[in-house]
PDB file of N, CA and C in Angstrom:
ATOM      1  N   MET A   1     -17.860 -11.292 -17.550  1.00  0.00           N
ATOM      2  CA  MET A   1     -17.023 -11.578 -16.201  1.00  0.00           C
ATOM      3  C   MET A   1     -16.278 -12.974 -15.695  1.00  0.00           C
ATOM      4  N   ALA A   2     -15.563 -12.312 -14.911  1.00  0.00           N
ATOM      5  CA  ALA A   2     -14.709 -13.521 -14.476  1.00  0.00           C
ATOM      6  C   ALA A   2     -14.822 -12.846 -12.605  1.00  0.00           C
ATOM      7  N   GLY A   3     -14.917 -15.077 -12.560  1.00  0.00           N
ATOM      8  CA  GLY A   3     -15.045 -14.649 -10.851  1.00  0.00           C
ATOM      9  C   GLY A   3     -14.009 -15.249  -9.662  1.00  0.00           C
ATOM     10  N   PRO A   4     -13.910 -15.322  -8.838  1.00  0.00           N
ATOM     11  CA  PRO A   4     -12.922 -16.010  -8.373  1.00  0.00           C
ATOM     12  C   PRO A   4     -11.743 -17.161  -8.907  1.00  0.00           C
ATOM     13  N   GLY A   5     -10.301 -16.804  -8.795  1.00  0.00           N
ATOM     14  CA  GLY A   5      -9.502 -17.725  -9.519  1.00  0.00           C
ATOM     15  C   GLY A   5      -9.274 -17.720 -11.092  1.00  0.00           C
ATOM     16  N   ALA A   6      -9.832 -16.730 -11.626  1.00  0.00           N
ATOM     17  CA  ALA A   6     -10.088 -16.777 -13.093  1.00  0.00           C
ATOM     18  C   ALA A   6      -8.336 -15.837 -13.341  1.00  0.00           C
ATOM     19  N   LYS A   7      -7.964 -16.862 -14.087  1.00  0.00           N
ATOM     20  CA  LYS A   7      -6.155 -16.129 -15.070  1.00  0.00           C
ATOM     21  C   LYS A   7      -6.630 -14.876 -15.557  1.00  0.00           C
ATOM     22  N   PRO A   8      -5.824 -13.858 -15.354  1.00  0.00           N
ATOM     23  CA  PRO A   8      -5.542 -12.323 -15.347  1.00  0.00           C
ATOM     24  C   PRO A   8      -5.596 -13.168 -17.082  1.00  0.00           C
ATOM     25  N   ASP A   9      -6.313 -11.952 -17.597  1.00  0.00           N
ATOM     26  CA  ASP A   9      -5.583 -11.507 -18.861  1.00  0.00           C
ATOM     27  C   ASP A   9      -4.340 -10.906 -19.350  1.00  0.00           C
ATOM     28  N   LEU A  10      -3.277 -11.596 -19.930  1.00  0.00           N
ATOM     29  CA  LEU A  10      -2.121 -10.743 -19.989  1.00  0.00           C
ATOM     30  C   LEU A  10      -2.214  -9.855 -21.167  1.00  0.00           C
ATOM     31  N   ASP A  11      -3.306 -10.201 -22.136  1.00  0.00           N
ATOM     32  CA  ASP A  11      -3.317  -8.385 -23.469  1.00  0.00           C
ATOM     33  C   ASP A  11      -3.719  -7.270 -22.361  1.00  0.00           C
ATOM     34  N   VAL A  12      -3.856  -7.322 -21.400  1.00  0.00           N
ATOM     35  CA  VAL A  12      -4.408  -6.226 -20.481  1.00  0.00           C
ATOM     36  C   VAL A  12      -3.751  -5.351 -19.984  1.00  0.00           C
ATOM     37  N   GLN A  13      -3.254  -4.145 -20.205  1.00  0.00           N
ATOM     38  CA  GLN A  13      -1.754  -3.502 -19.501  1.00  0.00           C
ATOM     39  C   GLN A  13      -2.330  -3.158 -18.374  1.00  0.00           C
ATOM     40  N   PRO A  14      -1.718  -2.890 -17.332  1.00  0.00           N
ATOM     41  CA  PRO A  14      -2.245  -2.274 -15.472  1.00  0.00           C
ATOM     42  C   PRO A  14      -2.204  -1.250 -15.909  1.00  0.00           C
ATOM     43  N   LYS A  15      -3.571  -0.741 -15.088  1.00  0.00           N
ATOM     44  CA  LYS A  15      -3.420   0.772 -15.384  1.00  0.00           C
ATOM     45  C   LYS A  15      -3.861   1.300 -13.454  1.00  0.00           C
ATOM     46  N   LEU A  16      -3.441   2.510 -13.831  1.00  0.00           N
ATOM     47  CA  LEU A  16      -3.515   2.976 -12.213  1.00  0.00           C
ATOM     48  C   LEU A  16      -4.095   4.695 -12.486  1.00  0.00           C
ATOM     49  N   ARG A  17      -4.962   4.742 -11.459  1.00  0.00           N
ATOM     50  CA  ARG A  17      -5.720   6.042 -11.344  1.00  0.00           C
ATOM     51  C   ARG A  17      -4.858   7.177 -11.324  1.00  0.00           C
ATOM     52  N   LEU A  18      -4.645   8.038 -12.331  1.00  0.00           N
ATOM     53  CA  LEU A  18      -4.255   9.560 -12.557  1.00  0.00           C
ATOM     54  C   LEU A  18      -3.723  10.516 -11.359  1.00  0.00           C
ATOM     55  N   ASP A  19      -4.249  10.686 -10.611  1.00  0.00           N
ATOM     56  CA  ASP A  19      -4.247  11.795  -9.056  1.00  0.00           C
ATOM     57  C   ASP A  19      -3.674  10.469  -7.957  1.00  0.00           C
ATOM     58  N   LYS A  20      -3.876   9.806  -7.889  1.00  0.00           N
ATOM     59  CA  LYS A  20      -2.970   8.268  -7.372  1.00  0.00           C
ATOM     60  C   LYS A  20      -1.022   8.403  -7.890  1.00  0.00           C
ATOM     61  N   TRP A  21      -1.544   8.533  -9.133  1.00  0.00           N
ATOM     62  CA  TRP A  21       0.137   8.410  -9.639  1.00  0.00           C
ATOM     63  C   TRP A  21       0.784   9.560  -9.565  1.00  0.00           C
ATOM     64  N   LEU A  22       0.024  10.610  -9.462  1.00  0.00           N
ATOM     65  CA  LEU A  22       1.128  12.052  -9.344  1.00  0.00           C
ATOM     66  C   LEU A  22       1.564  11.993  -8.181  1.00  0.00           C
ATOM     67  N   TRP A  23       0.440  11.340  -7.037  1.00  0.00           N
ATOM     68  CA  TRP A  23       0.783  11.153  -5.548  1.00  0.00           C
ATOM     69  C   TRP A  23       1.883  10.112  -5.287  1.00  0.00           C
ATOM     70  N   GLN A  24       2.039   9.146  -5.602  1.00  0.00           N
ATOM     71  CA  GLN A  24       2.853   8.545  -5.402  1.00  0.00           C
ATOM     72  C   GLN A  24       4.127   8.568  -6.220  1.00  0.00           C
ATOM     73  N   ALA A  25       4.329   9.265  -7.145  1.00  0.00           N
ATOM     74  CA  ALA A  25       5.759   9.204  -7.600  1.00  0.00           C
ATOM     75  C   ALA A  25       5.678  10.900  -7.141  1.00  0.00           C
ATOM     76  N   ARG A  26       4.976  11.737  -6.135  1.00  0.00           N
ATOM     77  CA  ARG A  26       5.299  12.475  -5.586  1.00  0.00           C
ATOM     78  C   ARG A  26       5.850  14.190  -6.485  1.00  0.00           C
ATOM     79  N   PHE A  27       4.696  13.999  -6.976  1.00  0.00           N
ATOM     80  CA  PHE A  27       4.443  15.483  -7.759  1.00  0.00           C
ATOM     81  C   PHE A  27       4.076  16.196  -6.611  1.00  0.00           C
ATOM     82  N   PHE A  28       3.085  15.819  -6.175  1.00  0.00           N
ATOM     83  CA  PHE A  28       1.782  16.419  -5.428  1.00  0.00           C
ATOM     84  C   PHE A  28       1.741  15.729  -3.380  1.00  0.00           C
ATOM     85  N   LYS A  29       1.901  16.984  -2.996  1.00  0.00           N
ATOM     86  CA  LYS A  29       1.828  16.228  -0.930  1.00  0.00           C
ATOM     87  C   LYS A  29       0.230  15.255  -0.476  1.00  0.00           C
ATOM     88  N   GLY A  30      -0.782  15.574  -1.506  1.00  0.00           N
ATOM     89  CA  GLY A  30      -1.855  14.573  -1.677  1.00  0.00           C
ATOM     90  C   GLY A  30      -2.393  14.311  -2.792  1.00  0.00           C
ATOM     91  N   ARG A  31      -3.262  13.653  -2.672  1.00  0.00           N
ATOM     92  CA  ARG A  31      -4.175  12.942  -3.935  1.00  0.00           C
ATOM     93  C   ARG A  31      -4.890  13.797  -4.272  1.00  0.00           C
ATOM     94  N   GLY A  32      -5.666  14.515  -2.969  1.00  0.00           N
ATOM     95  CA  GLY A  32      -6.542  16.530  -3.238  1.00  0.00           C
ATOM     96  C   GLY A  32      -5.711  17.032  -4.350  1.00  0.00           C
ATOM     97  N   ASP A  33      -4.792  17.110  -4.098  1.00  0.00           N
ATOM     98  CA  ASP A  33      -4.308  18.608  -4.401  1.00  0.00           C
ATOM     99  C   ASP A  33      -4.152  17.669  -6.452  1.00  0.00           C
ATOM    100  N   ALA A  34      -3.912  16.714  -6.171  1.00  0.00           N
ATOM    101  CA  ALA A  34      -3.493  16.007  -7.821  1.00  0.00           C
ATOM    102  C   ALA A  34      -4.613  16.958  -8.145  1.00  0.00           C
ATOM    103  N   ALA A  35      -5.859  15.721  -7.450  1.00  0.00           N
ATOM    104  CA  ALA A  35      -7.063  16.076  -7.668  1.00  0.00           C
ATOM    105  C   ALA A  35      -7.232  16.992  -8.246  1.00  0.00           C
ATOM    106  N   GLU A  36      -7.596  18.176  -7.134  1.00  0.00           N
ATOM    107  CA  GLU A  36      -7.990  19.893  -8.018  1.00  0.00           C
ATOM    108  C   GLU A  36      -6.893  20.300  -8.972  1.00  0.00           C
ATOM    109  N   MET A  37      -5.902  20.047  -9.398  1.00  0.00           N
ATOM    110  CA  MET A  37      -5.208  20.451 -10.287  1.00  0.00           C
ATOM    111  C   MET A  37      -5.705  19.662 -11.704  1.00  0.00           C
ATOM    112  N   ILE A  38      -5.787  18.565 -11.544  1.00  0.00           N
ATOM    113  CA  ILE A  38      -6.353  17.974 -12.825  1.00  0.00           C
ATOM    114  C   ILE A  38      -7.416  18.317 -13.236  1.00  0.00           C
ATOM    115  N   SER A  39      -8.403  18.165 -12.281  1.00  0.00           N
ATOM    116  CA  SER A  39     -10.412  19.015 -12.553  1.00  0.00           C
ATOM    117  C   SER A  39     -10.124  20.429 -12.993  1.00  0.00           C
ATOM    118  N   ALA A  40      -8.763  21.266 -13.053  1.00  0.00           N
ATOM    119  CA  ALA A  40      -8.578  22.692 -13.549  1.00  0.00           C
ATOM    120  C   ALA A  40      -8.592  22.323 -14.405  1.00  0.00           C
ATOM    121  N   GLY A  41      -8.030  21.521 -15.830  1.00  0.00           N
ATOM    122  CA  GLY A  41      -7.667  21.492 -16.994  1.00  0.00           C
ATOM    123  C   GLY A  41      -6.129  21.433 -16.770  1.00  0.00           C
ATOM    124  N   SER A  42      -5.460  21.539 -16.336  1.00  0.00           N
ATOM    125  CA  SER A  42      -4.225  21.869 -16.236  1.00  0.00           C
ATOM    126  C   SER A  42      -2.964  21.065 -16.373  1.00  0.00           C
ATOM    127  N   LEU A  43      -3.882  19.568 -16.945  1.00  0.00           N
ATOM    128  CA  LEU A  43      -2.406  18.703 -17.392  1.00  0.00           C
ATOM    129  C   LEU A  43      -3.189  18.294 -18.774  1.00  0.00           C
ATOM    130  N   ARG A  44      -2.257  17.807 -19.326  1.00  0.00           N
ATOM    131  CA  ARG A  44      -2.442  17.200 -20.825  1.00  0.00           C
ATOM    132  C   ARG A  44      -2.131  15.778 -20.605  1.00  0.00           C
ATOM    133  N   LEU A  45      -2.280  14.230 -21.060  1.00  0.00           N
ATOM    134  CA  LEU A  45      -2.162  13.387 -20.845  1.00  0.00           C
ATOM    135  C   LEU A  45      -2.377  12.720 -22.309  1.00  0.00           C
ATOM    136  N   ASN A  46      -1.039  12.505 -23.094  1.00  0.00           N
ATOM    137  CA  ASN A  46      -0.479  12.441 -24.196  1.00  0.00           C
ATOM    138  C   ASN A  46      -1.181  13.432 -24.966  1.00  0.00           C
ATOM    139  N   SER A  47      -0.778  14.331 -24.576  1.00  0.00           N
ATOM    140  CA  SER A  47      -1.472  15.883 -25.581  1.00  0.00           C
ATOM    141  C   SER A  47      -2.734  15.836 -25.576  1.00  0.00           C
ATOM    142  N   GLN A  48      -3.675  15.386 -24.752  1.00  0.00           N
ATOM    143  CA  GLN A  48      -5.276  15.502 -24.735  1.00  0.00           C
ATOM    144  C   GLN A  48      -5.095  16.328 -23.468  1.00  0.00           C
ATOM    145  N   HIS A  49      -6.353  17.612 -22.969  1.00  0.00           N
ATOM    146  CA  HIS A  49      -6.870  17.944 -22.418  1.00  0.00           C
ATOM    147  C   HIS A  49      -7.378  16.874 -21.336  1.00  0.00           C
ATOM    148  N   CYS A  50      -7.386  16.676 -20.354  1.00  0.00           N
ATOM    149  CA  CYS A  50      -7.594  15.498 -19.029  1.00  0.00           C
ATOM    150  C   CYS A  50      -7.789  16.546 -17.949  1.00  0.00           C
ATOM    151  N   ARG A  51      -9.677  16.509 -17.661  1.00  0.00           N
ATOM    152  CA  ARG A  51      -9.728  16.575 -16.242  1.00  0.00           C
ATOM    153  C   ARG A  51     -11.032  15.768 -15.528  1.00  0.00           C
ATOM    154  N   LYS A  52     -10.675  14.179 -15.827  1.00  0.00           N
ATOM    155  CA  LYS A  52     -10.644  13.587 -14.725  1.00  0.00           C
ATOM    156  C   LYS A  52      -9.839  13.289 -13.639  1.00  0.00           C
ATOM    157  N   PRO A  53     -10.133  13.418 -12.678  1.00  0.00           N
ATOM    158  CA  PRO A  53      -8.539  12.439 -12.108  1.00  0.00           C
ATOM    159  C   PRO A  53      -8.941  11.070 -11.864  1.00  0.00           C
ATOM    160  N   GLY A  54      -9.891  10.736 -11.793  1.00  0.00           N
ATOM    161  CA  GLY A  54      -9.416   8.781 -11.833  1.00  0.00           C
ATOM    162  C   GLY A  54      -9.583   8.123 -13.498  1.00  0.00           C
ATOM    163  N   HIS A  55      -8.702   9.492 -14.284  1.00  0.00           N
ATOM    164  CA  HIS A  55      -8.639   8.856 -15.683  1.00  0.00           C
ATOM    165  C   HIS A  55      -7.657   7.951 -15.413  1.00  0.00           C
ATOM    166  N   ALA A  56      -7.801   6.166 -16.024  1.00  0.00           N
ATOM    167  CA  ALA A  56      -6.404   5.325 -16.165  1.00  0.00           C
ATOM    168  C   ALA A  56      -5.383   5.575 -16.575  1.00  0.00           C
ATOM    169  N   VAL A  57      -4.247   6.060 -15.941  1.00  0.00           N
ATOM    170  CA  VAL A  57      -2.808   5.664 -16.947  1.00  0.00           C
ATOM    171  C   VAL A  57      -2.666   4.820 -16.905  1.00  0.00           C
ATOM    172  N   ALA A  58      -1.136   4.287 -17.645  1.00  0.00           N
ATOM    173  CA  ALA A  58      -0.519   3.094 -17.994  1.00  0.00           C
ATOM    174  C   ALA A  58       1.208   3.915 -18.478  1.00  0.00           C
ATOM    175  N   ILE A  59       1.791   2.299 -18.044  1.00  0.00           N
ATOM    176  CA  ILE A  59       3.331   2.409 -18.806  1.00  0.00           C
ATOM    177  C   ILE A  59       3.230   3.174 -20.488  1.00  0.00           C
ATOM    178  N   GLY A  60       4.478   4.303 -20.513  1.00  0.00           N
ATOM    179  CA  GLY A  60       4.213   4.928 -21.486  1.00  0.00           C
ATOM    180  C   GLY A  60       3.762   5.752 -22.176  1.00  0.00           C
ATOM    181  N   ASP A  61       2.614   6.183 -21.297  1.00  0.00           N
ATOM    182  CA  ASP A  61       1.764   7.704 -21.304  1.00  0.00           C
ATOM    183  C   ASP A  61       2.639   8.759 -20.190  1.00  0.00           C
ATOM    184  N   VAL A  62       2.442   9.915 -21.189  1.00  0.00           N
ATOM    185  CA  VAL A  62       3.430  10.792 -21.290  1.00  0.00           C
ATOM    186  C   VAL A  62       2.345  12.016 -20.862  1.00  0.00           C
ATOM    187  N   LEU A  63       2.318  12.946 -19.561  1.00  0.00           N
ATOM    188  CA  LEU A  63       1.776  13.645 -19.063  1.00  0.00           C
ATOM    189  C   LEU A  63       2.522  15.136 -18.785  1.00  0.00           C
ATOM    190  N   THR A  64       2.082  16.196 -19.091  1.00  0.00           N
ATOM    191  CA  THR A  64       2.602  17.726 -19.214  1.00  0.00           C
ATOM    192  C   THR A  64       1.710  18.384 -18.187  1.00  0.00           C
ATOM    193  N   PHE A  65       1.992  19.273 -17.592  1.00  0.00           N
ATOM    194  CA  PHE A  65       1.299  19.853 -16.483  1.00  0.00           C
ATOM    195  C   PHE A  65       2.258  21.041 -15.783  1.00  0.00           C
ATOM    196  N   ALA A  66       1.785  22.003 -15.096  1.00  0.00           N
ATOM    197  CA  ALA A  66       2.560  23.070 -14.562  1.00  0.00           C
ATOM    198  C   ALA A  66       3.209  22.697 -13.202  1.00  0.00           C
ATOM    199  N   GLN A  67       3.977  22.898 -12.594  1.00  0.00           N
ATOM    200  CA  GLN A  67       4.254  22.188 -11.248  1.00  0.00           C
ATOM    201  C   GLN A  67       5.329  23.910 -10.781  1.00  0.00           C
ATOM    202  N   GLY A  68       4.756  24.559  -9.947  1.00  0.00           N
ATOM    203  CA  GLY A  68       5.475  25.999  -9.146  1.00  0.00           C
ATOM    204  C   GLY A  68       5.162  26.506 -10.758  1.00  0.00           C
ATOM    205  N   ASN A  69       7.092  26.826 -11.137  1.00  0.00           N
ATOM    206  CA  ASN A  69       6.668  28.455 -12.252  1.00  0.00           C
ATOM    207  C   ASN A  69       7.454  26.938 -13.465  1.00  0.00           C
ATOM    208  N   ALA A  70       7.421  26.118 -13.520  1.00  0.00           N
ATOM    209  CA  ALA A  70       8.225  24.800 -14.049  1.00  0.00           C
ATOM    210  C   ALA A  70       6.660  24.324 -14.945  1.00  0.00           C
ATOM    211  N   ILE A  71       7.176  23.716 -16.239  1.00  0.00           N
ATOM    212  CA  ILE A  71       6.396  22.666 -16.694  1.00  0.00           C
ATOM    213  C   ILE A  71       7.201  21.591 -17.114  1.00  0.00           C
ATOM    214  N   ARG A  72       6.378  20.295 -16.473  1.00  0.00           N
ATOM    215  CA  ARG A  72       6.743  19.212 -16.257  1.00  0.00           C
ATOM    216  C   ARG A  72       6.130  18.443 -17.497  1.00  0.00           C
ATOM    217  N   VAL A  73       7.372  17.457 -17.893  1.00  0.00           N
ATOM    218  CA  VAL A  73       6.947  16.839 -18.834  1.00  0.00           C
ATOM    219  C   VAL A  73       7.409  15.443 -18.931  1.00  0.00           C
ATOM    220  N   VAL A  74       6.347  15.006 -18.412  1.00  0.00           N
ATOM    221  CA  VAL A  74       7.014  12.958 -17.720  1.00  0.00           C
ATOM    222  C   VAL A  74       6.461  11.999 -18.773  1.00  0.00           C
ATOM    223  N   ARG A  75       6.885  10.950 -18.990  1.00  0.00           N
ATOM    224  CA  ARG A  75       6.613   9.181 -19.503  1.00  0.00           C
ATOM    225  C   ARG A  75       6.718   8.375 -18.241  1.00  0.00           C
ATOM    226  N   ILE A  76       5.638   7.925 -17.950  1.00  0.00           N
ATOM    227  CA  ILE A  76       5.146   6.690 -17.038  1.00  0.00           C
ATOM    228  C   ILE A  76       6.092   5.835 -17.221  1.00  0.00           C
ATOM    229  N   ARG A  77       6.780   5.408 -16.949  1.00  0.00           N
ATOM    230  CA  ARG A  77       7.821   4.061 -16.435  1.00  0.00           C
ATOM    231  C   ARG A  77       7.576   3.512 -15.708  1.00  0.00           C
ATOM    232  N   ALA A  78       6.966   2.823 -14.784  1.00  0.00           N
ATOM    233  CA  ALA A  78       6.477   2.214 -13.958  1.00  0.00           C
ATOM    234  C   ALA A  78       5.214   3.022 -12.694  1.00  0.00           C
ATOM    235  N   LEU A  79       4.425   1.808 -12.488  1.00  0.00           N
ATOM    236  CA  LEU A  79       2.949   1.922 -11.122  1.00  0.00           C
ATOM    237  C   LEU A  79       3.629   1.667 -10.420  1.00  0.00           C
ATOM    238  N   GLY A  80       3.367   2.492  -9.558  1.00  0.00           N
ATOM    239  CA  GLY A  80       3.777   2.631  -7.896  1.00  0.00           C
ATOM    240  C   GLY A  80       2.728   1.601  -7.722  1.00  0.00           C
ATOM    241  N   PHE A  81       3.060   1.457  -6.136  1.00  0.00           N
ATOM    242  CA  PHE A  81       2.605  -0.652  -5.323  1.00  0.00           C
ATOM    243  C   PHE A  81       2.190   0.926  -4.046  1.00  0.00           C
ATOM    244  N   ARG A  82       3.040   2.036  -3.941  1.00  0.00           N
ATOM    245  CA  ARG A  82       2.848   2.796  -2.609  1.00  0.00           C
ATOM    246  C   ARG A  82       3.326   4.129  -2.476  1.00  0.00           C
ATOM    247  N   ARG A  83       3.094   5.417  -1.906  1.00  0.00           N
ATOM    248  CA  ARG A  83       3.813   6.713  -2.318  1.00  0.00           C
ATOM    249  C   ARG A  83       5.232   6.374  -1.149  1.00  0.00           C
ATOM    250  N   GLY A  84       6.293   5.581  -1.576  1.00  0.00           N
ATOM    251  CA  GLY A  84       7.312   5.807  -1.549  1.00  0.00           C
ATOM    252  C   GLY A  84       8.542   7.029  -1.739  1.00  0.00           C
ATOM    253  N   PRO A  85       9.923   6.665  -0.523  1.00  0.00           N
ATOM    254  CA  PRO A  85      10.974   7.800  -0.680  1.00  0.00           C
ATOM    255  C   PRO A  85      10.897   7.822  -1.666  1.00  0.00           C
ATOM    256  N   ALA A  86      11.636   9.841  -2.183  1.00  0.00           N
ATOM    257  CA  ALA A  86      11.949  10.210  -3.019  1.00  0.00           C
ATOM    258  C   ALA A  86      12.793   9.111  -4.243  1.00  0.00           C
ATOM    259  N   PRO A  87      13.814   8.862  -3.813  1.00  0.00           N
ATOM    260  CA  PRO A  87      14.312   7.710  -5.275  1.00  0.00           C
ATOM    261  C   PRO A  87      13.389   7.047  -5.619  1.00  0.00           C
ATOM    262  N   GLU A  88      12.440   6.257  -4.499  1.00  0.00           N
ATOM    263  CA  GLU A  88      11.721   5.572  -5.465  1.00  0.00           C
ATOM    264  C   GLU A  88      10.769   6.213  -6.415  1.00  0.00           C
ATOM    265  N   ALA A  89      10.058   7.063  -5.974  1.00  0.00           N
ATOM    266  CA  ALA A  89       9.347   7.282  -6.475  1.00  0.00           C
ATOM    267  C   ALA A  89       9.682   8.402  -7.711  1.00  0.00           C
ATOM    268  N   GLN A  90      11.372   8.892  -8.175  1.00  0.00           N
ATOM    269  CA  GLN A  90      12.081   9.563  -9.357  1.00  0.00           C
ATOM    270  C   GLN A  90      11.573   8.126 -10.134  1.00  0.00           C
ATOM    271  N   ASP A  91      12.562   6.838  -9.880  1.00  0.00           N
ATOM    272  CA  ASP A  91      12.190   5.537 -11.104  1.00  0.00           C
ATOM    273  C   ASP A  91      10.662   5.199 -11.546  1.00  0.00           C
ATOM    274  N   LEU A  92       9.744   6.034 -11.190  1.00  0.00           N
ATOM    275  CA  LEU A  92       8.358   5.573 -11.678  1.00  0.00           C
ATOM    276  C   LEU A  92       8.028   6.719 -13.288  1.00  0.00           C
ATOM    277  N   TYR A  93       9.473   7.403 -13.191  1.00  0.00           N
ATOM    278  CA  TYR A  93       8.841   8.026 -14.510  1.00  0.00           C
ATOM    279  C   TYR A  93      10.546   8.708 -15.254  1.00  0.00           C
ATOM    280  N   ASP A  94      10.148   9.201 -16.241  1.00  0.00           N
ATOM    281  CA  ASP A  94      11.405   9.376 -17.147  1.00  0.00           C
ATOM    282  C   ASP A  94      11.280  10.913 -17.452  1.00  0.00           C
ATOM    283  N   ASP A  95      12.387  12.349 -16.847  1.00  0.00           N
ATOM    284  CA  ASP A  95      12.076  13.367 -17.392  1.00  0.00           C
ATOM    285  C   ASP A  95      12.059  13.760 -18.748  1.00  0.00           C
ATOM    286  N   LEU A  96      11.026  14.017 -18.994  1.00  0.00           N
ATOM    287  CA  LEU A  96      11.085  14.684 -20.540  1.00  0.00           C
ATOM    288  C   LEU A  96      11.373  16.344 -21.132  1.00  0.00           C
ATOM    289  N   ALA A  97      11.285  17.039 -20.118  1.00  0.00           N
ATOM    290  CA  ALA A  97      11.528  18.693 -20.109  1.00  0.00           C
ATOM    291  C   ALA A  97      13.121  18.311 -20.681  1.00  0.00           C
ATOM    292  N   PRO A  98      12.874  19.709 -21.238  1.00  0.00           N
ATOM    293  CA  PRO A  98      14.650  20.090 -22.047  1.00  0.00           C
ATOM    294  C   PRO A  98      15.075  20.864 -20.559  1.00  0.00           C
ATOM    295  N   THR A  99      16.352  20.261 -20.100  1.00  0.00           N
ATOM    296  CA  THR A  99      17.106  20.879 -18.961  1.00  0.00           C
ATOM    297  C   THR A  99      17.447  22.473 -19.610  1.00  0.00           C
ATOM    298  N   ASP A 100      18.096  23.073 -18.698  1.00  0.00           N
ATOM    299  CA  ASP A 100      18.781  24.460 -19.575  1.00  0.00           C
ATOM    300  C   ASP A 100      20.502  24.570 -19.726  1.00  0.00           C
ATOM    301  N   LEU A 101      20.403  24.281 -21.095  1.00  0.00           N
ATOM    302  CA  LEU A 101      22.313  24.432 -21.253  1.00  0.00           C
ATOM    303  C   LEU A 101      23.049  25.412 -21.082  1.00  0.00           C
ATOM    304  N   GLU A 102      23.056  26.000 -19.637  1.00  0.00           N
ATOM    305  CA  GLU A 102      24.005  27.701 -19.624  1.00  0.00           C
ATOM    306  C   GLU A 102      25.177  27.187 -19.461  1.00  0.00           C
TER     307      GLU A 102
END
């Protein structure tokens, strides 16, 4: 167990709670809304069902979930430090859902 002043392990990738990341990326108005959707089993993390709002996510993870009438597929590009404005939130992910080619 590392104590105060210990050097960080550079091999460990930073992680963030799933519900917090979804809230910071502005997919949900509140963390409670995100946690409820996750607990209901409506989200896949790297193609696996995930029911734990506190599950840790990292850069490169792929999330698949319903939002309104759309199915969202996003790859985490960055972990947020705060719930910022929409342009800042959009920089946290890459949208992988196919676009309509009409």
